[in-house]
Every structure is written in structure tokens, then in C-alpha cells.
Protein backbone atom coordinates (compact mmCIF):
# COMPACT_ATOMS: atom_id res chain seq x y z
CA MET A 1 164.81 162.94 188.73
CA MET A 2 164.25 166.40 188.95
CA ALA A 3 166.28 168.60 190.61
CA ALA A 4 165.38 170.79 193.30
CA PRO A 5 166.62 173.05 195.92
CA SER A 6 167.71 171.77 199.46
CA ARG A 7 165.30 171.85 201.91
CA SER A 8 168.13 171.64 204.69
CA SER A 9 168.45 173.98 206.97
CA ASN A 10 170.37 176.86 207.16
CA PRO A 11 174.14 177.64 208.47
CA ALA A 12 174.03 178.49 212.00
CA ALA A 13 172.07 181.73 211.87
CA ALA A 14 173.12 183.02 215.07
CA GLN A 15 177.27 182.82 213.99
CA LEU A 16 176.71 184.47 210.42
CA HIS A 17 177.25 187.99 209.25
CA PRO A 18 174.16 189.82 209.65
CA VAL A 19 174.16 190.35 205.80
CA LEU A 20 174.61 186.83 205.15
CA ARG A 21 172.10 185.72 207.89
CA SER A 22 169.68 188.04 206.09
CA LEU A 23 170.31 186.37 202.59
CA PHE A 24 170.14 182.74 204.14
CA ALA A 25 166.71 183.68 205.97
CA ARG A 26 165.05 182.97 202.58
CA PRO A 27 163.56 179.80 201.75
CA LEU A 28 165.33 179.29 198.17
CA PRO A 29 169.03 179.85 197.55
CA VAL A 30 169.80 183.87 196.57
CA VAL A 31 170.45 184.65 193.41
CA MET A 32 173.61 186.62 192.85
CA GLY A 33 172.95 188.95 189.53
CA VAL A 34 176.38 189.46 187.43
CA LEU A 35 177.22 193.08 186.40
CA ASN A 36 180.30 193.03 184.58
CA ILE A 37 181.25 196.85 183.85
CA THR A 38 184.27 195.51 181.69
CA PRO A 39 185.29 195.75 178.05
CA ASP A 40 186.01 191.77 177.80
CA SER A 41 184.06 189.62 179.99
CA PHE A 42 183.65 186.50 178.30
CA SER A 43 180.31 186.71 178.11
CA ASP A 44 178.59 190.12 178.47
CA GLY A 45 181.93 192.46 178.06
CA GLY A 46 181.01 196.05 176.98
CA GLN A 47 177.42 195.86 177.38
CA PHE A 48 177.40 197.77 180.73
CA THR A 49 180.20 199.99 180.89
CA THR A 50 178.41 203.35 181.09
CA PRO A 51 176.84 204.30 184.58
CA GLU A 52 173.76 204.75 182.67
CA LEU A 53 173.57 201.17 181.20
CA ALA A 54 175.17 199.74 184.18
CA LEU A 55 172.70 201.14 186.94
CA ALA A 56 169.29 200.21 184.16
CA GLN A 57 170.87 196.49 184.22
CA ALA A 58 171.20 196.68 187.99
CA LYS A 59 167.86 197.57 188.38
CA ARG A 60 166.54 195.18 185.93
CA MET A 61 168.07 192.35 188.14
CA ALA A 62 167.20 193.73 191.10
CA ALA A 63 163.40 193.77 189.81
CA GLU A 64 164.04 190.14 188.50
CA GLY A 65 164.67 189.09 192.32
CA ALA A 66 168.60 189.27 192.37
CA GLY A 67 169.28 189.18 196.11
CA VAL A 68 172.59 190.26 195.46
CA LEU A 69 174.54 192.55 192.89
CA ASP A 70 177.98 191.31 191.93
CA ILE A 71 180.10 194.13 190.34
CA GLY A 72 183.45 193.44 188.64
CA ALA A 73 185.54 196.06 186.77
CA GLU A 74 188.04 193.53 185.53
CA SER A 75 187.61 190.25 183.74
CA THR A 76 188.55 187.30 185.50
CA ARG A 77 187.58 184.91 182.72
CA PRO A 78 190.10 181.91 182.62
CA TYR A 79 191.21 182.36 179.07
CA GLY A 80 192.19 185.67 177.16
CA SER A 81 191.33 188.36 179.94
CA LYS A 82 193.88 191.24 180.21
CA PRO A 83 194.98 192.10 183.65
CA VAL A 84 194.26 195.91 184.37
CA SER A 85 195.84 198.38 187.06
CA ALA A 86 193.67 199.15 190.32
CA ASP A 87 193.71 202.89 189.08
CA ASP A 88 191.63 201.54 185.94
CA GLU A 89 189.58 199.30 187.88
CA LEU A 90 188.74 202.14 190.11
CA GLN A 91 188.04 204.40 187.48
CA ARG A 92 185.87 202.40 186.06
CA LEU A 93 183.86 201.72 189.33
CA ARG A 94 183.56 205.22 190.79
CA ASP A 95 180.51 206.35 189.00
CA ILE A 96 178.85 203.17 188.96
CA LEU A 97 179.08 201.23 192.50
CA PRO A 98 177.81 204.01 194.88
CA ALA A 99 174.86 204.52 192.36
CA VAL A 100 174.21 200.71 192.42
CA ALA A 101 174.56 200.40 195.99
CA ALA A 102 171.90 202.91 196.54
CA LEU A 103 169.34 200.50 195.33
CA GLU A 104 169.57 198.52 198.48
CA VAL A 105 170.31 195.12 197.20
CA PRO A 106 173.36 194.17 198.84
CA VAL A 107 176.34 194.50 196.49
CA SER A 108 179.39 192.46 196.36
CA ILE A 109 182.85 193.84 194.78
CA ASP A 110 184.39 191.02 192.50
CA THR A 111 187.96 191.89 192.89
CA MET A 112 191.32 190.15 193.65
CA LYS A 113 192.95 193.53 194.51
CA ALA A 114 192.79 194.56 198.41
CA SER A 115 193.13 197.98 197.43
CA VAL A 116 190.00 197.87 195.43
CA ALA A 117 188.00 195.93 197.94
CA ALA A 118 189.02 198.46 200.59
CA TRP A 119 187.70 201.42 198.37
CA ALA A 120 184.67 199.43 197.53
CA LEU A 121 183.84 198.29 200.87
CA SER A 122 183.85 201.76 201.90
CA ASN A 123 181.51 203.23 199.04
CA GLY A 124 178.66 201.09 199.61
CA ALA A 125 180.07 197.36 198.85
CA ALA A 126 178.73 194.79 201.39
CA ILE A 127 181.01 191.85 200.40
CA ALA A 128 184.03 190.88 198.75
CA ASN A 129 184.26 188.31 196.07
CA ASP A 130 188.07 187.24 195.79
CA VAL A 131 188.34 185.01 192.96
CA TRP A 132 191.89 183.95 194.22
CA GLY A 133 190.34 183.00 197.79
CA LEU A 134 192.41 185.46 199.80
CA GLN A 135 195.82 183.75 198.13
CA ARG A 136 196.61 186.43 195.26
CA ASP A 137 196.77 189.52 196.99
CA PRO A 138 198.21 189.36 200.56
CA ASP A 139 196.74 192.62 201.90
CA MET A 140 193.44 190.87 200.77
CA ALA A 141 192.26 189.55 204.12
CA ARG A 142 193.23 192.26 206.33
CA VAL A 143 191.19 194.58 204.65
CA ILE A 144 187.92 192.39 204.89
CA ALA A 145 188.63 191.94 208.44
CA ASP A 146 189.10 195.62 209.16
CA HIS A 147 185.64 196.31 207.35
CA ASN A 148 184.37 193.06 208.84
CA ALA A 149 182.92 192.14 205.69
CA PRO A 150 181.70 189.05 204.15
CA VAL A 151 183.68 187.14 201.61
CA ILE A 152 183.41 184.79 199.00
CA VAL A 153 186.38 182.74 198.93
CA MET A 154 186.93 180.89 195.45
CA HIS A 155 189.11 177.74 194.58
CA ASN A 156 191.40 178.79 191.78
CA ARG A 157 194.80 177.47 189.94
CA ASP A 158 197.44 179.10 187.94
CA SER A 159 197.32 175.98 185.52
CA VAL A 160 194.67 173.36 184.62
CA ASP A 161 195.83 169.69 185.39
CA PRO A 162 193.21 167.08 183.84
CA ALA A 163 195.48 164.57 186.14
CA ILE A 164 194.58 165.49 189.60
CA ASP A 165 191.29 164.91 191.70
CA ILE A 166 190.06 168.28 191.49
CA VAL A 167 187.84 168.09 194.85
CA THR A 168 191.30 167.04 196.69
CA ASP A 169 192.71 170.25 195.25
CA MET A 170 189.56 172.09 196.08
CA VAL A 171 189.87 170.77 199.77
CA ALA A 172 193.36 171.61 200.21
CA PHE A 173 192.94 175.06 198.79
CA PHE A 174 190.29 176.07 200.98
CA ALA A 175 191.99 175.05 204.10
CA ARG A 176 195.04 177.04 203.03
CA SER A 177 192.48 179.87 202.76
CA LEU A 178 190.43 179.26 205.79
CA ASP A 179 194.21 179.43 207.92
CA ILE A 180 194.95 182.75 206.21
CA ALA A 181 191.25 184.09 207.29
CA ALA A 182 191.77 182.91 210.72
CA LYS A 183 195.12 184.68 211.10
CA ALA A 184 193.60 187.74 210.12
CA ASN A 185 190.73 187.43 212.42
CA ILE A 186 187.94 186.70 209.89
CA PRO A 187 185.23 185.10 211.53
CA PRO A 188 184.02 181.68 210.04
CA GLY A 189 180.67 183.41 209.71
CA ASN A 190 181.52 185.89 207.36
CA ILE A 191 182.83 183.34 204.93
CA VAL A 192 181.26 181.68 201.77
CA LEU A 193 183.10 179.00 199.65
CA ASP A 194 183.17 179.18 195.91
CA PRO A 195 184.10 175.86 193.98
CA GLY A 196 185.16 178.32 191.05
CA ILE A 197 183.35 176.65 188.37
CA GLY A 198 185.48 176.91 184.96
CA PHE A 199 188.59 178.24 186.56
CA GLY A 200 191.88 176.38 186.39
CA LYS A 201 189.67 173.26 185.64
CA THR A 202 188.88 171.12 182.64
CA PRO A 203 185.10 170.76 181.34
CA GLU A 204 185.24 167.56 183.17
CA GLN A 205 186.55 168.69 186.45
CA SER A 206 183.91 171.66 186.85
CA MET A 207 181.05 168.98 186.43
CA THR A 208 182.78 167.09 189.11
CA ALA A 209 183.31 170.01 191.12
CA ILE A 210 179.23 170.37 191.05
CA ALA A 211 178.37 167.07 191.08
CA ARG A 212 180.80 166.36 194.38
CA LEU A 213 179.71 169.78 196.16
CA ASP A 214 178.89 167.54 199.44
CA ASP A 215 182.31 167.03 200.06
CA LEU A 216 182.60 170.71 200.82
CA ASN A 217 180.48 170.14 204.00
CA GLN A 218 183.09 169.14 206.06
CA PHE A 219 184.12 172.94 206.42
CA GLY A 220 180.66 173.67 207.80
CA LEU A 221 180.53 176.88 205.65
CA PRO A 222 177.84 178.13 203.02
CA PHE A 223 178.91 177.79 199.38
CA LEU A 224 178.04 179.89 196.11
CA VAL A 225 178.00 178.22 192.85
CA GLY A 226 178.44 180.37 189.73
CA ALA A 227 178.00 178.34 186.88
CA SER A 228 176.37 180.76 184.42
CA ARG A 229 176.91 180.43 180.54
CA LYS A 230 180.46 178.55 181.47
CA ARG A 231 182.60 177.02 179.01
CA PHE A 232 181.92 173.21 180.43
CA ILE A 233 178.22 173.71 179.15
CA SER A 234 179.65 173.51 175.49
CA ALA A 235 181.72 170.38 176.31
CA VAL A 236 178.35 168.63 176.50
CA SER A 237 176.14 170.81 174.24
CA PRO A 238 178.09 172.89 171.73
CA SER A 239 177.30 176.49 172.08
CA GLU A 240 178.03 180.08 172.52
CA PRO A 241 177.97 181.98 176.05
CA HIS A 242 174.41 183.47 175.10
CA GLN A 243 173.20 179.96 174.06
CA ARG A 244 173.88 178.48 177.66
CA ILE A 245 170.79 179.05 179.46
CA GLY A 246 169.47 175.77 179.67
CA GLY A 247 172.75 174.00 180.84
CA SER A 248 173.05 177.13 183.22
CA LEU A 249 169.89 176.39 184.61
CA ALA A 250 170.52 172.51 184.81
CA ALA A 251 173.65 173.14 186.78
CA HIS A 252 172.53 175.68 188.76
CA LEU A 253 169.46 173.43 190.02
CA LEU A 254 171.86 170.38 190.77
CA ALA A 255 173.85 172.65 192.97
CA ALA A 256 170.51 174.03 194.89
CA GLN A 257 169.92 170.43 195.65
CA ARG A 258 173.48 169.93 197.00
CA GLY A 259 172.95 172.70 199.18
CA ALA A 260 174.20 175.93 197.11
CA LYS A 261 173.15 178.98 199.15
CA ILE A 262 174.01 181.76 196.67
CA ILE A 263 173.58 180.94 192.84
CA ARG A 264 175.81 183.66 190.77
CA ALA A 265 173.93 184.02 187.45
CA HIS A 266 173.83 186.33 184.53
CA ASP A 267 170.09 185.23 183.48
CA VAL A 268 168.55 186.41 186.83
CA ALA A 269 164.60 186.03 185.73
CA GLU A 270 164.95 182.53 184.40
CA THR A 271 167.16 181.22 187.37
CA VAL A 272 164.97 182.88 189.93
CA GLN A 273 161.84 180.81 187.86
CA ALA A 274 163.57 177.47 187.97
CA LEU A 275 164.55 177.58 191.62
CA ARG A 276 160.87 178.23 192.58
CA VAL A 277 159.43 176.06 190.26
CA ALA A 278 161.46 173.02 191.45
CA SER A 279 160.79 174.03 194.71
CA ALA A 280 157.20 174.00 194.18
CA ILE A 281 157.37 170.70 192.46
CA GLU A 282 159.50 169.55 195.24
CA ASP A 283 156.42 170.47 197.74
CA LYS A 284 154.17 168.27 196.28
CA ARG A 285 156.17 165.12 197.09
């Protein structure tokens, strides 16, 4: 059966942060365009490291229909990434983030460092995207609360354990993250959950996380799914990252069908088209 975006109502609009309320007012899931300004990201490392190249890519994704632009200056790929200092991360961002933010498309800052998030939120970023769900840098929750910014809380693990029920682990992780958020006075309407496809998970667990997205409804919060070009696709159909557009679209359509409000993707035009066509077909039922 053809997967189609969920037609369920938006999260309680009156309680959402204004940035999220505006994004979720759209009839289809929001596509978040990935802008990695890193030399070593798994799919596009080194392609957009200069201000000129990064801004051109940001403009291209905005024209293709991206509703959010997610800028990352440190690779967070699960395998083989090299940690960088906050100073290095900021150096990469200084000449790029303000220029991208001037495009008037909301920008999210993909970082696990509170100091980087603080700088970015003060220089044009509208959303914080923390791949450790407020649990790695003890100052992250305070920074986000001080800026009254929306935050994407992603599930992550230090190591892969094929024996665990990954959804049970995700639920426990999010409960801890939400407790941290509450203690920092981050309103629930500022929070988006992300199952962290490919992070601390076997390929099978990544697929399970998408298949059982409904289990996250117990938190009453919107969620984001980023399956773009991820390794689990190759486990089903052997391929290199740039050859995984078909698998990415399949995963994202299923995620949208299960209620994902944001789809994080490298291939913005193809993802926007897939969501629109699936919705148009669903409307004919």
C-alpha cells in the first residue's frame, strides 16, 4: 500500500512555540534541509565548507521547498567522525550561519555543545538540534531555556546493543530528556523528539524505530525523522550514501504516514515531491 503523509491534526497549536506553530500550520510535513559545513560528514563532507558554497546550497534547498535549514559544523556520524573543539565549530559557523539566517528560512543549529548553541541562537538560528537530547552537555538545557528556543531532542546511545528493545530504550531516554527540560523550564511546546535513526542502533533497530513511531505518541509531542541516506538502507539494498535516495524516500513516506511533522533530508526537491504526490494520491481515496 502506498505510504502517505498523516492527515491527523497538528499538535495543540496554542501551546507550541511560535516558530513550530508556523511550521506545523502547513498541510504536509516540513522538510528540513541538511547543510553540513564539515570536511567529514558521511554523505556530503567537504562539499559546502566555504561561505559561497554553503550559501548557494542553502538558497538551492530553500528554493526546492525546505521549511528549515539545519546547519552542522561538526560531523556527528556514528562511525569515524572526529570530535572538534567549540572554537573550531564556531570558526566554521561565523561566516556562514548569519548569511544563511538572512534568507528568512528558519535555521536550526546541529550541535551538542551549549556554547555553540548559545552563539548560534544569538546570531540568527531559531532552533537547537541536540543529537544527545540534552544529556551530554550539562549546560545545554539552560542555554535553550534562556533563549526560549525550540529544541530537537534526539535519541542516542554510546554503543550499539542488538539485544535491547530499541523502542523501550528510546522511551526511557526521552523520559530522562524531558525531565531535564522540565527542570530547566523548557516548555513542552518548545520540544520536538527525534528517534535518532542510525545513531546507537543496528540497521534493524533503525527500521524498528520508524516502524514503531506510534509508540512515541505517548509523550504528546511532535517528532522529526531523519533517515536520509542512512546506513540501514544499504543493509536492505547495498548502496553508497549518494545511491540511497529511493530508500530515503521510502523511509520518510512511512515516517510521515506515522505522524512525523519534520523530515530531515539531504535531497530536498525529491523529498518535497514525494510528500506532495503521496498526499495527492491519498486525497483521491
